[in-house]
Amino acid sequence: GRFTHSRDKAAKTSYLQMNSLKPEDAAIYYCRMTIRGRE
């Protein structure tokens, strides 16, 4: 209800739209992709 994940696979790009952020959302954010079966 606050975050949205989207992607553009052709552009090999992942997005995370974060709205209504709260103090407890504070962190280091990491993206992960599975490419040819490897992370």
PDB file of all heavy atoms in Angstrom:
ATOM      1  N   GLY A   1       0.802  -1.215   0.000  1.00  0.00           N
ATOM      2  CA  GLY A   1       0.000   0.000   0.000  1.00  0.00           C
ATOM      3  C   GLY A   1       0.836   1.266   0.000  1.00  0.00           C
ATOM      4  O   GLY A   1       0.318   2.357  -0.243  1.00  0.00           O
ATOM      5  N   ARG A   2       2.138   1.125   0.272  1.00  0.00           N
ATOM      6  CA  ARG A   2       3.024   2.291   0.277  1.00  0.00           C
ATOM      7  C   ARG A   2       4.134   2.176  -0.765  1.00  0.00           C
ATOM      8  O   ARG A   2       4.544   3.182  -1.345  1.00  0.00           O
ATOM      9  CB  ARG A   2       3.651   2.466   1.664  1.00  0.00           C
ATOM     10  CG  ARG A   2       2.643   2.654   2.777  1.00  0.00           C
ATOM     11  CD  ARG A   2       3.335   2.956   4.109  1.00  0.00           C
ATOM     12  NE  ARG A   2       4.186   1.848   4.555  1.00  0.00           N
ATOM     13  CZ  ARG A   2       5.496   1.961   4.764  1.00  0.00           C
ATOM     14  NH1 ARG A   2       6.110   3.107   4.569  1.00  0.00           N
ATOM     15  NH2 ARG A   2       6.196   0.913   5.186  1.00  0.00           N
ATOM     16  N   PHE A   3       4.627   0.971  -0.955  1.00  0.00           N
ATOM     17  CA  PHE A   3       5.718   0.748  -1.910  1.00  0.00           C
ATOM     18  C   PHE A   3       5.180   0.057  -3.155  1.00  0.00           C
ATOM     19  O   PHE A   3       4.223  -0.722  -3.088  1.00  0.00           O
ATOM     20  CB  PHE A   3       6.794  -0.150  -1.302  1.00  0.00           C
ATOM     21  CG  PHE A   3       7.607   0.470  -0.204  1.00  0.00           C
ATOM     22  CD1 PHE A   3       7.236   1.659   0.412  1.00  0.00           C
ATOM     23  CD2 PHE A   3       8.766  -0.161   0.237  1.00  0.00           C
ATOM     24  CE1 PHE A   3       7.992   2.204   1.431  1.00  0.00           C
ATOM     25  CE2 PHE A   3       9.530   0.379   1.245  1.00  0.00           C
ATOM     26  CZ  PHE A   3       9.143   1.561   1.846  1.00  0.00           C
ATOM     27  N   THR A   4       5.830   0.329  -4.262  1.00  0.00           N
ATOM     28  CA  THR A   4       5.496  -0.345  -5.518  1.00  0.00           C
ATOM     29  C   THR A   4       6.786  -0.799  -6.192  1.00  0.00           C
ATOM     30  O   THR A   4       7.726  -0.001  -6.338  1.00  0.00           O
ATOM     31  CB  THR A   4       4.732   0.590  -6.466  1.00  0.00           C
ATOM     32  OG1 THR A   4       3.554   1.072  -5.826  1.00  0.00           O
ATOM     33  CG2 THR A   4       4.339  -0.139  -7.743  1.00  0.00           C
ATOM     34  N   HIS A   5       6.781  -2.044  -6.596  1.00  0.00           N
ATOM     35  CA  HIS A   5       7.922  -2.567  -7.351  1.00  0.00           C
ATOM     36  C   HIS A   5       7.531  -2.679  -8.820  1.00  0.00           C
ATOM     37  O   HIS A   5       6.464  -3.198  -9.138  1.00  0.00           O
ATOM     38  CB  HIS A   5       8.312  -3.931  -6.807  1.00  0.00           C
ATOM     39  CG  HIS A   5       9.213  -4.728  -7.710  1.00  0.00           C
ATOM     40  ND1 HIS A   5      10.367  -4.215  -8.267  1.00  0.00           N
ATOM     41  CD2 HIS A   5       9.125  -5.996  -8.173  1.00  0.00           C
ATOM     42  CE1 HIS A   5      10.936  -5.133  -9.014  1.00  0.00           C
ATOM     43  NE2 HIS A   5      10.202  -6.229  -8.969  1.00  0.00           N
ATOM     44  N   SER A   6       8.371  -2.164  -9.675  1.00  0.00           N
ATOM     45  CA  SER A   6       8.145  -2.297 -11.110  1.00  0.00           C
ATOM     46  C   SER A   6       9.473  -2.628 -11.778  1.00  0.00           C
ATOM     47  O   SER A   6      10.533  -2.587 -11.145  1.00  0.00           O
ATOM     48  CB  SER A   6       7.541  -1.013 -11.685  1.00  0.00           C
ATOM     49  OG  SER A   6       8.418   0.080 -11.497  1.00  0.00           O
ATOM     50  N   ARG A   7       9.412  -2.916 -13.047  1.00  0.00           N
ATOM     51  CA  ARG A   7      10.632  -3.315 -13.744  1.00  0.00           C
ATOM     52  C   ARG A   7      10.513  -3.016 -15.219  1.00  0.00           C
ATOM     53  O   ARG A   7       9.418  -2.941 -15.768  1.00  0.00           O
ATOM     54  CB  ARG A   7      10.885  -4.813 -13.535  1.00  0.00           C
ATOM     55  CG  ARG A   7       9.832  -5.656 -14.221  1.00  0.00           C
ATOM     56  CD  ARG A   7       9.853  -7.083 -13.809  1.00  0.00           C
ATOM     57  NE  ARG A   7       8.887  -7.846 -14.590  1.00  0.00           N
ATOM     58  CZ  ARG A   7       8.423  -9.023 -14.252  1.00  0.00           C
ATOM     59  NH1 ARG A   7       8.855  -9.604 -13.150  1.00  0.00           N
ATOM     60  NH2 ARG A   7       7.552  -9.642 -15.014  1.00  0.00           N
ATOM     61  N   ASP A   8      11.642  -2.861 -15.831  1.00  0.00           N
ATOM     62  CA  ASP A   8      11.744  -2.748 -17.273  1.00  0.00           C
ATOM     63  C   ASP A   8      12.770  -3.799 -17.677  1.00  0.00           C
ATOM     64  O   ASP A   8      13.969  -3.560 -17.634  1.00  0.00           O
ATOM     65  CB  ASP A   8      12.193  -1.330 -17.669  1.00  0.00           C
ATOM     66  CG  ASP A   8      12.245  -1.136 -19.166  1.00  0.00           C
ATOM     67  OD1 ASP A   8      12.344  -2.131 -19.916  1.00  0.00           O
ATOM     68  OD2 ASP A   8      12.214   0.009 -19.597  1.00  0.00           O
ATOM     69  N   LYS A   9      12.301  -4.954 -18.049  1.00  0.00           N
ATOM     70  CA  LYS A   9      13.227  -6.053 -18.311  1.00  0.00           C
ATOM     71  C   LYS A   9      14.097  -5.774 -19.521  1.00  0.00           C
ATOM     72  O   LYS A   9      15.268  -6.164 -19.549  1.00  0.00           O
ATOM     73  CB  LYS A   9      12.459  -7.356 -18.473  1.00  0.00           C
ATOM     74  CG  LYS A   9      11.769  -7.806 -17.194  1.00  0.00           C
ATOM     75  CD  LYS A   9      11.218  -9.208 -17.293  1.00  0.00           C
ATOM     76  CE  LYS A   9      12.282 -10.255 -17.141  1.00  0.00           C
ATOM     77  NZ  LYS A   9      11.735 -11.618 -17.070  1.00  0.00           N
ATOM     78  N   ALA A  10      13.546  -5.093 -20.513  1.00  0.00           N
ATOM     79  CA  ALA A  10      14.343  -4.772 -21.699  1.00  0.00           C
ATOM     80  C   ALA A  10      15.505  -3.860 -21.328  1.00  0.00           C
ATOM     81  O   ALA A  10      16.600  -3.970 -21.886  1.00  0.00           O
ATOM     82  CB  ALA A  10      13.466  -4.119 -22.755  1.00  0.00           C
ATOM     83  N   ALA A  11      15.266  -2.948 -20.377  1.00  0.00           N
ATOM     84  CA  ALA A  11      16.300  -2.031 -19.917  1.00  0.00           C
ATOM     85  C   ALA A  11      17.082  -2.615 -18.752  1.00  0.00           C
ATOM     86  O   ALA A  11      17.977  -1.957 -18.220  1.00  0.00           O
ATOM     87  CB  ALA A  11      15.683  -0.697 -19.513  1.00  0.00           C
ATOM     88  N   LYS A  12      16.721  -3.834 -18.358  1.00  0.00           N
ATOM     89  CA  LYS A  12      17.403  -4.527 -17.253  1.00  0.00           C
ATOM     90  C   LYS A  12      17.400  -3.675 -15.990  1.00  0.00           C
ATOM     91  O   LYS A  12      18.407  -3.585 -15.278  1.00  0.00           O
ATOM     92  CB  LYS A  12      18.826  -4.897 -17.657  1.00  0.00           C
ATOM     93  CG  LYS A  12      18.894  -5.813 -18.872  1.00  0.00           C
ATOM     94  CD  LYS A  12      20.317  -5.932 -19.365  1.00  0.00           C
ATOM     95  CE  LYS A  12      20.784  -4.600 -19.926  1.00  0.00           C
ATOM     96  NZ  LYS A  12      22.209  -4.588 -20.290  1.00  0.00           N
ATOM     97  N   THR A  13      16.253  -3.063 -15.716  1.00  0.00           N
ATOM     98  CA  THR A  13      16.150  -2.140 -14.590  1.00  0.00           C
ATOM     99  C   THR A  13      14.995  -2.522 -13.688  1.00  0.00           C
ATOM    100  O   THR A  13      13.900  -2.830 -14.159  1.00  0.00           O
ATOM    101  CB  THR A  13      15.955  -0.703 -15.099  1.00  0.00           C
ATOM    102  OG1 THR A  13      17.031  -0.368 -15.973  1.00  0.00           O
ATOM    103  CG2 THR A  13      15.943   0.278 -13.940  1.00  0.00           C
ATOM    104  N   SER A  14      15.267  -2.469 -12.397  1.00  0.00           N
ATOM    105  CA  SER A  14      14.274  -2.725 -11.374  1.00  0.00           C
ATOM    106  C   SER A  14      14.054  -1.434 -10.598  1.00  0.00           C
ATOM    107  O   SER A  14      15.009  -0.685 -10.351  1.00  0.00           O
ATOM    108  CB  SER A  14      14.781  -3.816 -10.430  1.00  0.00           C
ATOM    109  OG  SER A  14      13.909  -4.022  -9.348  1.00  0.00           O
ATOM    110  N   TYR A  15      12.799  -1.180 -10.229  1.00  0.00           N
ATOM    111  CA  TYR A  15      12.462   0.032  -9.501  1.00  0.00           C
ATOM    112  C   TYR A  15      11.735  -0.309  -8.200  1.00  0.00           C
ATOM    113  O   TYR A  15      11.012  -1.300  -8.119  1.00  0.00           O
ATOM    114  CB  TYR A  15      11.548   0.936 -10.336  1.00  0.00           C
ATOM    115  CG  TYR A  15      12.123   1.351 -11.661  1.00  0.00           C
ATOM    116  CD1 TYR A  15      11.753   0.705 -12.840  1.00  0.00           C
ATOM    117  CD2 TYR A  15      13.028   2.410 -11.746  1.00  0.00           C
ATOM    118  CE1 TYR A  15      12.278   1.087 -14.059  1.00  0.00           C
ATOM    119  CE2 TYR A  15      13.557   2.793 -12.967  1.00  0.00           C
ATOM    120  CZ  TYR A  15      13.174   2.131 -14.119  1.00  0.00           C
ATOM    121  OH  TYR A  15      13.705   2.516 -15.327  1.00  0.00           O
ATOM    122  N   LEU A  16      11.920   0.561  -7.231  1.00  0.00           N
ATOM    123  CA  LEU A  16      11.143   0.479  -6.001  1.00  0.00           C
ATOM    124  C   LEU A  16      10.686   1.891  -5.668  1.00  0.00           C
ATOM    125  O   LEU A  16      11.490   2.737  -5.275  1.00  0.00           O
ATOM    126  CB  LEU A  16      11.963  -0.107  -4.851  1.00  0.00           C
ATOM    127  CG  LEU A  16      11.182  -0.328  -3.561  1.00  0.00           C
ATOM    128  CD1 LEU A  16      10.141  -1.441  -3.746  1.00  0.00           C
ATOM    129  CD2 LEU A  16      12.123  -0.689  -2.399  1.00  0.00           C
ATOM    130  N   GLN A  17       9.407   2.143  -5.881  1.00  0.00           N
ATOM    131  CA  GLN A  17       8.814   3.438  -5.527  1.00  0.00           C
ATOM    132  C   GLN A  17       8.335   3.356  -4.096  1.00  0.00           C
ATOM    133  O   GLN A  17       7.508   2.504  -3.762  1.00  0.00           O
ATOM    134  CB  GLN A  17       7.651   3.760  -6.463  1.00  0.00           C
ATOM    135  CG  GLN A  17       6.918   5.037  -6.119  1.00  0.00           C
ATOM    136  CD  GLN A  17       7.772   6.268  -6.345  1.00  0.00           C
ATOM    137  OE1 GLN A  17       8.459   6.385  -7.345  1.00  0.00           O
ATOM    138  NE2 GLN A  17       7.728   7.200  -5.397  1.00  0.00           N
ATOM    139  N   MET A  18       8.843   4.225  -3.264  1.00  0.00           N
ATOM    140  CA  MET A  18       8.522   4.195  -1.842  1.00  0.00           C
ATOM    141  C   MET A  18       7.800   5.482  -1.471  1.00  0.00           C
ATOM    142  O   MET A  18       8.375   6.564  -1.569  1.00  0.00           O
ATOM    143  CB  MET A  18       9.801   4.039  -1.018  1.00  0.00           C
ATOM    144  CG  MET A  18      10.636   2.833  -1.432  1.00  0.00           C
ATOM    145  SD  MET A  18      12.072   2.557  -0.363  1.00  0.00           S
ATOM    146  CE  MET A  18      13.034   4.017  -0.742  1.00  0.00           C
ATOM    147  N   ASN A  19       6.557   5.348  -1.073  1.00  0.00           N
ATOM    148  CA  ASN A  19       5.739   6.485  -0.646  1.00  0.00           C
ATOM    149  C   ASN A  19       5.393   6.353   0.831  1.00  0.00           C
ATOM    150  O   ASN A  19       5.496   5.274   1.408  1.00  0.00           O
ATOM    151  CB  ASN A  19       4.459   6.556  -1.480  1.00  0.00           C
ATOM    152  CG  ASN A  19       4.722   6.747  -2.957  1.00  0.00           C
ATOM    153  OD1 ASN A  19       5.698   7.380  -3.355  1.00  0.00           O
ATOM    154  ND2 ASN A  19       3.852   6.188  -3.788  1.00  0.00           N
ATOM    155  N   SER A  20       4.960   7.456   1.408  1.00  0.00           N
ATOM    156  CA  SER A  20       4.547   7.465   2.822  1.00  0.00           C
ATOM    157  C   SER A  20       5.600   6.806   3.710  1.00  0.00           C
ATOM    158  O   SER A  20       5.291   5.960   4.550  1.00  0.00           O
ATOM    159  CB  SER A  20       3.198   6.737   2.976  1.00  0.00           C
ATOM    160  OG  SER A  20       2.205   7.339   2.175  1.00  0.00           O
ATOM    161  N   LEU A  21       6.831   7.195   3.511  1.00  0.00           N
ATOM    162  CA  LEU A  21       7.921   6.572   4.246  1.00  0.00           C
ATOM    163  C   LEU A  21       7.810   6.840   5.734  1.00  0.00           C
ATOM    164  O   LEU A  21       7.408   7.925   6.169  1.00  0.00           O
ATOM    165  CB  LEU A  21       9.258   7.069   3.705  1.00  0.00           C
ATOM    166  CG  LEU A  21       9.685   6.391   2.395  1.00  0.00           C
ATOM    167  CD1 LEU A  21      10.701   7.236   1.655  1.00  0.00           C
ATOM    168  CD2 LEU A  21      10.238   5.007   2.682  1.00  0.00           C
ATOM    169  N   LYS A  22       8.205   5.821   6.492  1.00  0.00           N
ATOM    170  CA  LYS A  22       8.174   5.886   7.942  1.00  0.00           C
ATOM    171  C   LYS A  22       9.600   5.745   8.477  1.00  0.00           C
ATOM    172  O   LYS A  22      10.472   5.178   7.809  1.00  0.00           O
ATOM    173  CB  LYS A  22       7.318   4.739   8.493  1.00  0.00           C
ATOM    174  CG  LYS A  22       5.902   4.688   7.963  1.00  0.00           C
ATOM    175  CD  LYS A  22       5.177   3.464   8.491  1.00  0.00           C
ATOM    176  CE  LYS A  22       3.760   3.379   7.960  1.00  0.00           C
ATOM    177  NZ  LYS A  22       3.058   2.157   8.473  1.00  0.00           N
ATOM    178  N   PRO A  23       9.833   6.201   9.702  1.00  0.00           N
ATOM    179  CA  PRO A  23      11.184   6.037  10.273  1.00  0.00           C
ATOM    180  C   PRO A  23      11.642   4.570  10.276  1.00  0.00           C
ATOM    181  O   PRO A  23      12.837   4.305  10.098  1.00  0.00           O
ATOM    182  CB  PRO A  23      11.020   6.588  11.685  1.00  0.00           C
ATOM    183  CG  PRO A  23       9.940   7.614  11.554  1.00  0.00           C
ATOM    184  CD  PRO A  23       8.978   7.041  10.556  1.00  0.00           C
ATOM    185  N   GLU A  24      10.712   3.652  10.442  1.00  0.00           N
ATOM    186  CA  GLU A  24      11.098   2.238  10.472  1.00  0.00           C
ATOM    187  C   GLU A  24      11.455   1.689   9.105  1.00  0.00           C
ATOM    188  O   GLU A  24      11.910   0.549   8.998  1.00  0.00           O
ATOM    189  CB  GLU A  24       9.984   1.388  11.095  1.00  0.00           C
ATOM    190  CG  GLU A  24       8.612   1.582  10.480  1.00  0.00           C
ATOM    191  CD  GLU A  24       7.767   2.565  11.277  1.00  0.00           C
ATOM    192  OE1 GLU A  24       8.297   3.614  11.712  1.00  0.00           O
ATOM    193  OE2 GLU A  24       6.553   2.267  11.438  1.00  0.00           O
ATOM    194  N   ASP A  25      11.259   2.472   8.051  1.00  0.00           N
ATOM    195  CA  ASP A  25      11.698   2.059   6.721  1.00  0.00           C
ATOM    196  C   ASP A  25      13.180   2.351   6.494  1.00  0.00           C
ATOM    197  O   ASP A  25      13.760   1.911   5.496  1.00  0.00           O
ATOM    198  CB  ASP A  25      10.892   2.788   5.641  1.00  0.00           C
ATOM    199  CG  ASP A  25       9.431   2.403   5.626  1.00  0.00           C
ATOM    200  OD1 ASP A  25       9.126   1.203   5.777  1.00  0.00           O
ATOM    201  OD2 ASP A  25       8.585   3.307   5.469  1.00  0.00           O
ATOM    202  N   ALA A  26      13.781   3.091   7.395  1.00  0.00           N
ATOM    203  CA  ALA A  26      15.188   3.443   7.235  1.00  0.00           C
ATOM    204  C   ALA A  26      16.056   2.194   7.258  1.00  0.00           C
ATOM    205  O   ALA A  26      15.937   1.352   8.151  1.00  0.00           O
ATOM    206  CB  ALA A  26      15.615   4.404   8.341  1.00  0.00           C
ATOM    207  N   ALA A  27      16.910   2.075   6.259  1.00  0.00           N
ATOM    208  CA  ALA A  27      17.755   0.889   6.133  1.00  0.00           C
ATOM    209  C   ALA A  27      18.651   1.071   4.918  1.00  0.00           C
ATOM    210  O   ALA A  27      18.510   2.034   4.151  1.00  0.00           O
ATOM    211  CB  ALA A  27      16.900  -0.361   5.953  1.00  0.00           C
ATOM    212  N   ILE A  28      19.532   0.129   4.722  1.00  0.00           N
ATOM    213  CA  ILE A  28      20.237   0.022   3.449  1.00  0.00           C
ATOM    214  C   ILE A  28      19.404  -0.911   2.572  1.00  0.00           C
ATOM    215  O   ILE A  28      19.057  -2.020   2.993  1.00  0.00           O
ATOM    216  CB  ILE A  28      21.660  -0.538   3.622  1.00  0.00           C
ATOM    217  CG1 ILE A  28      22.484   0.400   4.499  1.00  0.00           C
ATOM    218  CG2 ILE A  28      22.324  -0.706   2.251  1.00  0.00           C
ATOM    219  CD1 ILE A  28      23.864  -0.121   4.822  1.00  0.00           C
ATOM    220  N   TYR A  29      19.083  -0.444   1.396  1.00  0.00           N
ATOM    221  CA  TYR A  29      18.263  -1.212   0.469  1.00  0.00           C
ATOM    222  C   TYR A  29      19.160  -1.841  -0.601  1.00  0.00           C
ATOM    223  O   TYR A  29      20.015  -1.166  -1.197  1.00  0.00           O
ATOM    224  CB  TYR A  29      17.213  -0.314  -0.182  1.00  0.00           C
ATOM    225  CG  TYR A  29      16.052  -0.026   0.752  1.00  0.00           C
ATOM    226  CD1 TYR A  29      16.215   0.799   1.860  1.00  0.00           C
ATOM    227  CD2 TYR A  29      14.797  -0.589   0.533  1.00  0.00           C
ATOM    228  CE1 TYR A  29      15.158   1.040   2.731  1.00  0.00           C
ATOM    229  CE2 TYR A  29      13.726  -0.349   1.381  1.00  0.00           C
ATOM    230  CZ  TYR A  29      13.921   0.470   2.488  1.00  0.00           C
ATOM    231  OH  TYR A  29      12.870   0.713   3.354  1.00  0.00           O
ATOM    232  N   TYR A  30      18.926  -3.118  -0.825  1.00  0.00           N
ATOM    233  CA  TYR A  30      19.708  -3.883  -1.790  1.00  0.00           C
ATOM    234  C   TYR A  30      18.795  -4.442  -2.869  1.00  0.00           C
ATOM    235  O   TYR A  30      17.712  -4.964  -2.574  1.00  0.00           O
ATOM    236  CB  TYR A  30      20.403  -5.058  -1.112  1.00  0.00           C
ATOM    237  CG  TYR A  30      21.396  -4.682  -0.050  1.00  0.00           C
ATOM    238  CD1 TYR A  30      21.013  -4.550   1.283  1.00  0.00           C
ATOM    239  CD2 TYR A  30      22.743  -4.470  -0.367  1.00  0.00           C
ATOM    240  CE1 TYR A  30      21.930  -4.215   2.263  1.00  0.00           C
ATOM    241  CE2 TYR A  30      23.664  -4.137   0.614  1.00  0.00           C
ATOM    242  CZ  TYR A  30      23.249  -4.005   1.922  1.00  0.00           C
ATOM    243  OH  TYR A  30      24.160  -3.683   2.888  1.00  0.00           O
ATOM    244  N   CYS A  31      19.241  -4.354  -4.090  1.00  0.00           N
ATOM    245  CA  CYS A  31      18.513  -5.041  -5.148  1.00  0.00           C
ATOM    246  C   CYS A  31      19.197  -6.373  -5.435  1.00  0.00           C
ATOM    247  O   CYS A  31      20.390  -6.552  -5.177  1.00  0.00           O
ATOM    248  CB  CYS A  31      18.426  -4.203  -6.416  1.00  0.00           C
ATOM    249  SG  CYS A  31      19.982  -3.948  -7.269  1.00  0.00           S
ATOM    250  N   ARG A  32      18.408  -7.277  -5.934  1.00  0.00           N
ATOM    251  CA  ARG A  32      18.907  -8.594  -6.304  1.00  0.00           C
ATOM    252  C   ARG A  32      18.276  -8.996  -7.631  1.00  0.00           C
ATOM    253  O   ARG A  32      17.095  -8.745  -7.862  1.00  0.00           O
ATOM    254  CB  ARG A  32      18.546  -9.635  -5.237  1.00  0.00           C
ATOM    255  CG  ARG A  32      19.210 -10.990  -5.417  1.00  0.00           C
ATOM    256  CD  ARG A  32      18.583 -12.019  -4.520  1.00  0.00           C
ATOM    257  NE  ARG A  32      17.304 -12.462  -5.054  1.00  0.00           N
ATOM    258  CZ  ARG A  32      16.493 -13.308  -4.417  1.00  0.00           C
ATOM    259  NH1 ARG A  32      16.806 -13.772  -3.231  1.00  0.00           N
ATOM    260  NH2 ARG A  32      15.350 -13.661  -4.976  1.00  0.00           N
ATOM    261  N   MET A  33      19.066  -9.586  -8.477  1.00  0.00           N
ATOM    262  CA  MET A  33      18.547 -10.099  -9.741  1.00  0.00           C
ATOM    263  C   MET A  33      19.033 -11.528  -9.941  1.00  0.00           C
ATOM    264  O   MET A  33      20.177 -11.852  -9.579  1.00  0.00           O
ATOM    265  CB  MET A  33      18.994  -9.250 -10.929  1.00  0.00           C
ATOM    266  CG  MET A  33      18.421  -7.844 -10.941  1.00  0.00           C
ATOM    267  SD  MET A  33      18.782  -7.010 -12.504  1.00  0.00           S
ATOM    268  CE  MET A  33      18.158  -5.369 -12.170  1.00  0.00           C
ATOM    269  N   THR A  34      18.181 -12.324 -10.516  1.00  0.00           N
ATOM    270  CA  THR A  34      18.551 -13.677 -10.887  1.00  0.00           C
ATOM    271  C   THR A  34      18.793 -13.695 -12.384  1.00  0.00           C
ATOM    272  O   THR A  34      17.879 -13.431 -13.180  1.00  0.00           O
ATOM    273  CB  THR A  34      17.442 -14.678 -10.519  1.00  0.00           C
ATOM    274  OG1 THR A  34      17.169 -14.573  -9.113  1.00  0.00           O
ATOM    275  CG2 THR A  34      17.889 -16.100 -10.818  1.00  0.00           C
ATOM    276  N   ILE A  35      20.035 -13.940 -12.742  1.00  0.00           N
ATOM    277  CA  ILE A  35      20.466 -13.872 -14.147  1.00  0.00           C
ATOM    278  C   ILE A  35      21.110 -15.202 -14.506  1.00  0.00           C
ATOM    279  O   ILE A  35      22.091 -15.608 -13.878  1.00  0.00           O
ATOM    280  CB  ILE A  35      21.461 -12.717 -14.348  1.00  0.00           C
ATOM    281  CG1 ILE A  35      20.835 -11.387 -13.891  1.00  0.00           C
ATOM    282  CG2 ILE A  35      21.899 -12.641 -15.809  1.00  0.00           C
ATOM    283  CD1 ILE A  35      21.801 -10.223 -13.866  1.00  0.00           C
ATOM    284  N   ARG A  36      20.544 -15.834 -15.508  1.00  0.00           N
ATOM    285  CA  ARG A  36      21.040 -17.147 -15.943  1.00  0.00           C
ATOM    286  C   ARG A  36      21.156 -18.097 -14.753  1.00  0.00           C
ATOM    287  O   ARG A  36      22.142 -18.857 -14.647  1.00  0.00           O
ATOM    288  CB  ARG A  36      22.395 -17.011 -16.638  1.00  0.00           C
ATOM    289  CG  ARG A  36      22.364 -16.167 -17.884  1.00  0.00           C
ATOM    290  CD  ARG A  36      23.763 -15.997 -18.458  1.00  0.00           C
ATOM    291  NE  ARG A  36      23.806 -15.015 -19.520  1.00  0.00           N
ATOM    292  CZ  ARG A  36      24.884 -14.324 -19.854  1.00  0.00           C
ATOM    293  NH1 ARG A  36      26.014 -14.530 -19.217  1.00  0.00           N
ATOM    294  NH2 ARG A  36      24.852 -13.457 -20.834  1.00  0.00           N
ATOM    295  N   GLY A  37      20.192 -18.034 -13.861  1.00  0.00           N
ATOM    296  CA  GLY A  37      20.132 -18.953 -12.739  1.00  0.00           C
ATOM    297  C   GLY A  37      21.007 -18.598 -11.550  1.00  0.00           C
ATOM    298  O   GLY A  37      21.019 -19.318 -10.552  1.00  0.00           O
ATOM    299  N   ARG A  38      21.729 -17.495 -11.604  1.00  0.00           N
ATOM    300  CA  ARG A  38      22.578 -17.087 -10.497  1.00  0.00           C
ATOM    301  C   ARG A  38      22.057 -15.777  -9.911  1.00  0.00           C
ATOM    302  O   ARG A  38      21.493 -14.942 -10.610  1.00  0.00           O
ATOM    303  CB  ARG A  38      24.021 -16.903 -10.959  1.00  0.00           C
ATOM    304  CG  ARG A  38      24.676 -18.179 -11.445  1.00  0.00           C
ATOM    305  CD  ARG A  38      26.137 -17.939 -11.786  1.00  0.00           C
ATOM    306  NE  ARG A  38      26.922 -17.519 -10.617  1.00  0.00           N
ATOM    307  CZ  ARG A  38      28.216 -17.243 -10.669  1.00  0.00           C
ATOM    308  NH1 ARG A  38      28.863 -17.316 -11.817  1.00  0.00           N
ATOM    309  NH2 ARG A  38      28.854 -16.884  -9.579  1.00  0.00           N
ATOM    310  N   GLU A  39      22.268 -15.596  -8.631  1.00  0.00           N
ATOM    311  CA  GLU A  39      21.822 -14.391  -7.951  1.00  0.00           C
ATOM    312  C   GLU A  39      22.954 -13.373  -7.843  1.00  0.00           C
ATOM    313  O   GLU A  39      24.088 -13.728  -7.488  1.00  0.00           O
ATOM    314  CB  GLU A  39      21.300 -14.726  -6.551  1.00  0.00           C
ATOM    315  CG  GLU A  39      20.019 -15.544  -6.575  1.00  0.00           C
ATOM    316  CD  GLU A  39      19.487 -15.800  -5.187  1.00  0.00           C
ATOM    317  OE1 GLU A  39      20.166 -15.426  -4.218  1.00  0.00           O
ATOM    318  OE2 GLU A  39      18.396 -16.387  -5.063  1.00  0.00           O
TER     319      GLU A  39
END
